[in-house]
Amino acid sequence: MLYYSYRLFCGMGHDGDRMTSYRAGRDIPYWREPAPSTDVLHLRIVNDGRIVTQYYSSDGIE
């Protein structure tokens, strides 16, 4: 999670089957993230000049 106020955040999570994205403190259920079903998934959140980009990788490299 990346918090930008005491109540609002953005982030991502993976439960082994599907990924959930969060924006403005709410999950974003209107699209299914294309993440694979797996036991291990590497997640990264980058804040570059207040532009937040979220990445995932199944191997931690690509």
PDB file of N, CA and C in Angstrom:
ATOM      1  N   MET A   1       0.828  -1.182   0.000  1.00  0.00           N
ATOM      2  CA  MET A   1       0.000   0.000   0.000  1.00  0.00           C
ATOM      3  C   MET A   1       0.873   1.247   0.000  1.00  0.00           C
ATOM      4  N   LEU A   2       0.376   2.263  -0.633  1.00  0.00           N
ATOM      5  CA  LEU A   2       1.003   3.569  -0.628  1.00  0.00           C
ATOM      6  C   LEU A   2      -0.047   4.540  -0.097  1.00  0.00           C
ATOM      7  N   TYR A   3       0.217   5.102   1.058  1.00  0.00           N
ATOM      8  CA  TYR A   3      -0.742   6.009   1.690  1.00  0.00           C
ATOM      9  C   TYR A   3      -0.429   7.441   1.294  1.00  0.00           C
ATOM     10  N   TYR A   4      -1.467   8.184   0.889  1.00  0.00           N
ATOM     11  CA  TYR A   4      -1.257   9.593   0.562  1.00  0.00           C
ATOM     12  C   TYR A   4      -2.101  10.506   1.428  1.00  0.00           C
ATOM     13  N   SER A   5      -2.813   9.973   2.374  1.00  0.00           N
ATOM     14  CA  SER A   5      -3.437  10.722   3.466  1.00  0.00           C
ATOM     15  C   SER A   5      -3.745   9.706   4.552  1.00  0.00           C
ATOM     16  N   TYR A   6      -4.263  10.160   5.666  1.00  0.00           N
ATOM     17  CA  TYR A   6      -4.542   9.217   6.748  1.00  0.00           C
ATOM     18  C   TYR A   6      -5.718   8.308   6.437  1.00  0.00           C
ATOM     19  N   ARG A   7      -6.500   8.608   5.394  1.00  0.00           N
ATOM     20  CA  ARG A   7      -7.640   7.761   5.037  1.00  0.00           C
ATOM     21  C   ARG A   7      -7.566   7.175   3.636  1.00  0.00           C
ATOM     22  N   LEU A   8      -6.770   7.734   2.767  1.00  0.00           N
ATOM     23  CA  LEU A   8      -6.767   7.290   1.380  1.00  0.00           C
ATOM     24  C   LEU A   8      -5.440   6.641   1.015  1.00  0.00           C
ATOM     25  N   PHE A   9      -5.511   5.653   0.134  1.00  0.00           N
ATOM     26  CA  PHE A   9      -4.322   4.910  -0.267  1.00  0.00           C
ATOM     27  C   PHE A   9      -4.539   4.310  -1.638  1.00  0.00           C
ATOM     28  N   CYS A  10      -3.454   3.873  -2.237  1.00  0.00           N
ATOM     29  CA  CYS A  10      -3.543   3.037  -3.428  1.00  0.00           C
ATOM     30  C   CYS A  10      -2.675   1.826  -3.164  1.00  0.00           C
ATOM     31  N   GLY A  11      -2.943   0.772  -3.866  1.00  0.00           N
ATOM     32  CA  GLY A  11      -2.178  -0.442  -3.628  1.00  0.00           C
ATOM     33  C   GLY A  11      -2.692  -1.591  -4.461  1.00  0.00           C
ATOM     34  N   MET A  12      -2.131  -2.755  -4.171  1.00  0.00           N
ATOM     35  CA  MET A  12      -2.507  -3.949  -4.905  1.00  0.00           C
ATOM     36  C   MET A  12      -2.282  -5.163  -4.025  1.00  0.00           C
ATOM     37  N   GLY A  13      -3.010  -6.208  -4.290  1.00  0.00           N
ATOM     38  CA  GLY A  13      -2.869  -7.448  -3.547  1.00  0.00           C
ATOM     39  C   GLY A  13      -3.191  -8.634  -4.440  1.00  0.00           C
ATOM     40  N   HIS A  14      -2.731  -9.792  -4.044  1.00  0.00           N
ATOM     41  CA  HIS A  14      -2.950 -11.013  -4.812  1.00  0.00           C
ATOM     42  C   HIS A  14      -3.272 -12.129  -3.829  1.00  0.00           C
ATOM     43  N   ASP A  15      -4.340 -12.858  -4.054  1.00  0.00           N
ATOM     44  CA  ASP A  15      -4.754 -13.908  -3.117  1.00  0.00           C
ATOM     45  C   ASP A  15      -4.408 -15.316  -3.598  1.00  0.00           C
ATOM     46  N   GLY A  16      -3.544 -15.420  -4.616  1.00  0.00           N
ATOM     47  CA  GLY A  16      -3.183 -16.713  -5.175  1.00  0.00           C
ATOM     48  C   GLY A  16      -3.996 -17.059  -6.401  1.00  0.00           C
ATOM     49  N   ASP A  17      -5.137 -16.390  -6.567  1.00  0.00           N
ATOM     50  CA  ASP A  17      -6.003 -16.640  -7.708  1.00  0.00           C
ATOM     51  C   ASP A  17      -6.223 -15.390  -8.554  1.00  0.00           C
ATOM     52  N   ARG A  18      -6.401 -14.262  -7.887  1.00  0.00           N
ATOM     53  CA  ARG A  18      -6.655 -13.029  -8.631  1.00  0.00           C
ATOM     54  C   ARG A  18      -6.019 -11.841  -7.923  1.00  0.00           C
ATOM     55  N   MET A  19      -5.843 -10.758  -8.673  1.00  0.00           N
ATOM     56  CA  MET A  19      -5.251  -9.542  -8.141  1.00  0.00           C
ATOM     57  C   MET A  19      -6.351  -8.521  -7.905  1.00  0.00           C
ATOM     58  N   THR A  20      -6.188  -7.738  -6.859  1.00  0.00           N
ATOM     59  CA  THR A  20      -7.099  -6.641  -6.566  1.00  0.00           C
ATOM     60  C   THR A  20      -6.287  -5.360  -6.516  1.00  0.00           C
ATOM     61  N   SER A  21      -6.780  -4.307  -7.160  1.00  0.00           N
ATOM     62  CA  SER A  21      -6.143  -2.999  -7.109  1.00  0.00           C
ATOM     63  C   SER A  21      -6.989  -2.073  -6.249  1.00  0.00           C
ATOM     64  N   TYR A  22      -6.329  -1.148  -5.588  1.00  0.00           N
ATOM     65  CA  TYR A  22      -7.007  -0.183  -4.727  1.00  0.00           C
ATOM     66  C   TYR A  22      -6.638   1.220  -5.183  1.00  0.00           C
ATOM     67  N   ARG A  23      -7.636   2.070  -5.258  1.00  0.00           N
ATOM     68  CA  ARG A  23      -7.436   3.472  -5.609  1.00  0.00           C
ATOM     69  C   ARG A  23      -8.358   4.305  -4.736  1.00  0.00           C
ATOM     70  N   ALA A  24      -7.852   5.382  -4.190  1.00  0.00           N
ATOM     71  CA  ALA A  24      -8.631   6.284  -3.339  1.00  0.00           C
ATOM     72  C   ALA A  24      -9.251   5.547  -2.156  1.00  0.00           C
ATOM     73  N   GLY A  25      -8.552   4.521  -1.663  1.00  0.00           N
ATOM     74  CA  GLY A  25      -9.024   3.802  -0.493  1.00  0.00           C
ATOM     75  C   GLY A  25     -10.099   2.769  -0.764  1.00  0.00           C
ATOM     76  N   ARG A  26     -10.382   2.493  -2.032  1.00  0.00           N
ATOM     77  CA  ARG A  26     -11.409   1.507  -2.385  1.00  0.00           C
ATOM     78  C   ARG A  26     -10.830   0.487  -3.349  1.00  0.00           C
ATOM     79  N   ASP A  27     -11.323  -0.746  -3.246  1.00  0.00           N
ATOM     80  CA  ASP A  27     -10.887  -1.698  -4.261  1.00  0.00           C
ATOM     81  C   ASP A  27     -11.594  -1.362  -5.561  1.00  0.00           C
ATOM     82  N   ILE A  28     -10.971  -1.733  -6.649  1.00  0.00           N
ATOM     83  CA  ILE A  28     -11.480  -1.393  -7.978  1.00  0.00           C
ATOM     84  C   ILE A  28     -11.996  -2.685  -8.611  1.00  0.00           C
ATOM     85  N   PRO A  29     -13.264  -3.010  -8.394  1.00  0.00           N
ATOM     86  CA  PRO A  29     -13.767  -4.302  -8.856  1.00  0.00           C
ATOM     87  C   PRO A  29     -14.200  -4.332 -10.317  1.00  0.00           C
ATOM     88  N   TYR A  30     -14.127  -3.212 -11.045  1.00  0.00           N
ATOM     89  CA  TYR A  30     -14.696  -3.201 -12.384  1.00  0.00           C
ATOM     90  C   TYR A  30     -13.798  -3.782 -13.456  1.00  0.00           C
ATOM     91  N   TRP A  31     -12.615  -4.248 -13.135  1.00  0.00           N
ATOM     92  CA  TRP A  31     -11.853  -5.035 -14.090  1.00  0.00           C
ATOM     93  C   TRP A  31     -11.035  -6.075 -13.355  1.00  0.00           C
ATOM     94  N   ARG A  32     -10.826  -7.195 -14.003  1.00  0.00           N
ATOM     95  CA  ARG A  32      -9.994  -8.257 -13.449  1.00  0.00           C
ATOM     96  C   ARG A  32      -8.570  -8.043 -13.939  1.00  0.00           C
ATOM     97  N   GLU A  33      -7.648  -7.962 -13.011  1.00  0.00           N
ATOM     98  CA  GLU A  33      -6.247  -7.795 -13.377  1.00  0.00           C
ATOM     99  C   GLU A  33      -5.762  -9.070 -14.062  1.00  0.00           C
ATOM    100  N   PRO A  34      -4.878  -8.962 -15.051  1.00  0.00           N
ATOM    101  CA  PRO A  34      -4.431 -10.143 -15.798  1.00  0.00           C
ATOM    102  C   PRO A  34      -3.310 -10.928 -15.115  1.00  0.00           C
ATOM    103  N   ALA A  35      -3.285 -10.944 -13.812  1.00  0.00           N
ATOM    104  CA  ALA A  35      -2.237 -11.663 -13.077  1.00  0.00           C
ATOM    105  C   ALA A  35      -2.527 -13.163 -13.083  1.00  0.00           C
ATOM    106  N   PRO A  36      -1.480 -13.971 -13.160  1.00  0.00           N
ATOM    107  CA  PRO A  36      -1.681 -15.425 -13.190  1.00  0.00           C
ATOM    108  C   PRO A  36      -2.026 -15.978 -11.811  1.00  0.00           C
ATOM    109  N   SER A  37      -2.672 -17.138 -11.797  1.00  0.00           N
ATOM    110  CA  SER A  37      -2.875 -17.868 -10.550  1.00  0.00           C
ATOM    111  C   SER A  37      -1.548 -18.501 -10.172  1.00  0.00           C
ATOM    112  N   THR A  38      -1.043 -18.157  -8.988  1.00  0.00           N
ATOM    113  CA  THR A  38       0.261 -18.647  -8.551  1.00  0.00           C
ATOM    114  C   THR A  38       0.397 -18.485  -7.046  1.00  0.00           C
ATOM    115  N   ASP A  39       1.326 -19.217  -6.464  1.00  0.00           N
ATOM    116  CA  ASP A  39       1.574 -19.094  -5.030  1.00  0.00           C
ATOM    117  C   ASP A  39       2.476 -17.917  -4.697  1.00  0.00           C
ATOM    118  N   VAL A  40       3.316 -17.486  -5.653  1.00  0.00           N
ATOM    119  CA  VAL A  40       4.252 -16.379  -5.428  1.00  0.00           C
ATOM    120  C   VAL A  40       4.084 -15.357  -6.539  1.00  0.00           C
ATOM    121  N   LEU A  41       3.905 -14.106  -6.160  1.00  0.00           N
ATOM    122  CA  LEU A  41       3.815 -13.015  -7.122  1.00  0.00           C
ATOM    123  C   LEU A  41       4.517 -11.812  -6.502  1.00  0.00           C
ATOM    124  N   HIS A  42       5.440 -11.219  -7.226  1.00  0.00           N
ATOM    125  CA  HIS A  42       6.190 -10.066  -6.745  1.00  0.00           C
ATOM    126  C   HIS A  42       5.428  -8.803  -7.140  1.00  0.00           C
ATOM    127  N   LEU A  43       5.202  -7.915  -6.173  1.00  0.00           N
ATOM    128  CA  LEU A  43       4.455  -6.688  -6.407  1.00  0.00           C
ATOM    129  C   LEU A  43       5.369  -5.495  -6.183  1.00  0.00           C
ATOM    130  N   ARG A  44       5.198  -4.443  -7.009  1.00  0.00           N
ATOM    131  CA  ARG A  44       5.988  -3.223  -6.846  1.00  0.00           C
ATOM    132  C   ARG A  44       5.105  -2.016  -7.126  1.00  0.00           C
ATOM    133  N   ILE A  45       5.198  -1.013  -6.274  1.00  0.00           N
ATOM    134  CA  ILE A  45       4.501   0.260  -6.454  1.00  0.00           C
ATOM    135  C   ILE A  45       5.563   1.335  -6.579  1.00  0.00           C
ATOM    136  N   VAL A  46       5.508   2.123  -7.656  1.00  0.00           N
ATOM    137  CA  VAL A  46       6.476   3.192  -7.899  1.00  0.00           C
ATOM    138  C   VAL A  46       5.746   4.525  -7.880  1.00  0.00           C
ATOM    139  N   ASN A  47       6.229   5.462  -7.065  1.00  0.00           N
ATOM    140  CA  ASN A  47       5.705   6.818  -7.026  1.00  0.00           C
ATOM    141  C   ASN A  47       6.763   7.729  -7.640  1.00  0.00           C
ATOM    142  N   ASP A  48       6.547   8.143  -8.880  1.00  0.00           N
ATOM    143  CA  ASP A  48       7.494   8.984  -9.600  1.00  0.00           C
ATOM    144  C   ASP A  48       6.851  10.341  -9.844  1.00  0.00           C
ATOM    145  N   GLY A  49       7.198  11.306  -9.025  1.00  0.00           N
ATOM    146  CA  GLY A  49       6.624  12.648  -9.184  1.00  0.00           C
ATOM    147  C   GLY A  49       5.124  12.656  -9.002  1.00  0.00           C
ATOM    148  N   ARG A  50       4.641  11.900  -8.057  1.00  0.00           N
ATOM    149  CA  ARG A  50       3.210  11.774  -7.725  1.00  0.00           C
ATOM    150  C   ARG A  50       2.404  11.038  -8.784  1.00  0.00           C
ATOM    151  N   ILE A  51       3.073  10.372  -9.686  1.00  0.00           N
ATOM    152  CA  ILE A  51       2.403   9.465 -10.617  1.00  0.00           C
ATOM    153  C   ILE A  51       2.714   8.059 -10.135  1.00  0.00           C
ATOM    154  N   VAL A  52       1.683   7.346  -9.723  1.00  0.00           N
ATOM    155  CA  VAL A  52       1.863   6.026  -9.127  1.00  0.00           C
ATOM    156  C   VAL A  52       1.600   4.952 -10.182  1.00  0.00           C
ATOM    157  N   THR A  53       2.567   4.052 -10.336  1.00  0.00           N
ATOM    158  CA  THR A  53       2.447   2.938 -11.259  1.00  0.00           C
ATOM    159  C   THR A  53       2.646   1.657 -10.480  1.00  0.00           C
ATOM    160  N   GLN A  54       1.808   0.660 -10.759  1.00  0.00           N
ATOM    161  CA  GLN A  54       1.870  -0.612 -10.051  1.00  0.00           C
ATOM    162  C   GLN A  54       2.286  -1.709 -11.037  1.00  0.00           C
ATOM    163  N   TYR A  55       3.213  -2.556 -10.592  1.00  0.00           N
ATOM    164  CA  TYR A  55       3.739  -3.633 -11.414  1.00  0.00           C
ATOM    165  C   TYR A  55       3.618  -4.961 -10.677  1.00  0.00           C
ATOM    166  N   TYR A  56       3.603  -6.036 -11.435  1.00  0.00           N
ATOM    167  CA  TYR A  56       3.705  -7.372 -10.837  1.00  0.00           C
ATOM    168  C   TYR A  56       4.579  -8.227 -11.720  1.00  0.00           C
ATOM    169  N   SER A  57       5.151  -9.266 -11.119  1.00  0.00           N
ATOM    170  CA  SER A  57       6.021 -10.192 -11.845  1.00  0.00           C
ATOM    171  C   SER A  57       5.913 -11.557 -11.188  1.00  0.00           C
ATOM    172  N   SER A  58       5.900 -12.594 -11.991  1.00  0.00           N
ATOM    173  CA  SER A  58       5.857 -13.942 -11.424  1.00  0.00           C
ATOM    174  C   SER A  58       7.245 -14.437 -11.030  1.00  0.00           C
ATOM    175  N   ASP A  59       8.315 -13.811 -11.598  1.00  0.00           N
ATOM    176  CA  ASP A  59       9.674 -14.258 -11.275  1.00  0.00           C
ATOM    177  C   ASP A  59      10.512 -13.218 -10.536  1.00  0.00           C
ATOM    178  N   GLY A  60      10.011 -12.013 -10.337  1.00  0.00           N
ATOM    179  CA  GLY A  60      10.752 -10.971  -9.647  1.00  0.00           C
ATOM    180  C   GLY A  60      11.752 -10.241 -10.511  1.00  0.00           C
ATOM    181  N   ILE A  61      11.822 -10.590 -11.800  1.00  0.00           N
ATOM    182  CA  ILE A  61      12.781  -9.977 -12.710  1.00  0.00           C
ATOM    183  C   ILE A  61      12.074  -9.237 -13.844  1.00  0.00           C
ATOM    184  N   GLU A  62      11.214  -9.936 -14.539  1.00  0.00           N
ATOM    185  CA  GLU A  62      10.485  -9.350 -15.679  1.00  0.00           C
ATOM    186  C   GLU A  62       9.281  -8.564 -15.210  1.00  0.00           C
TER     187      GLU A  62
END
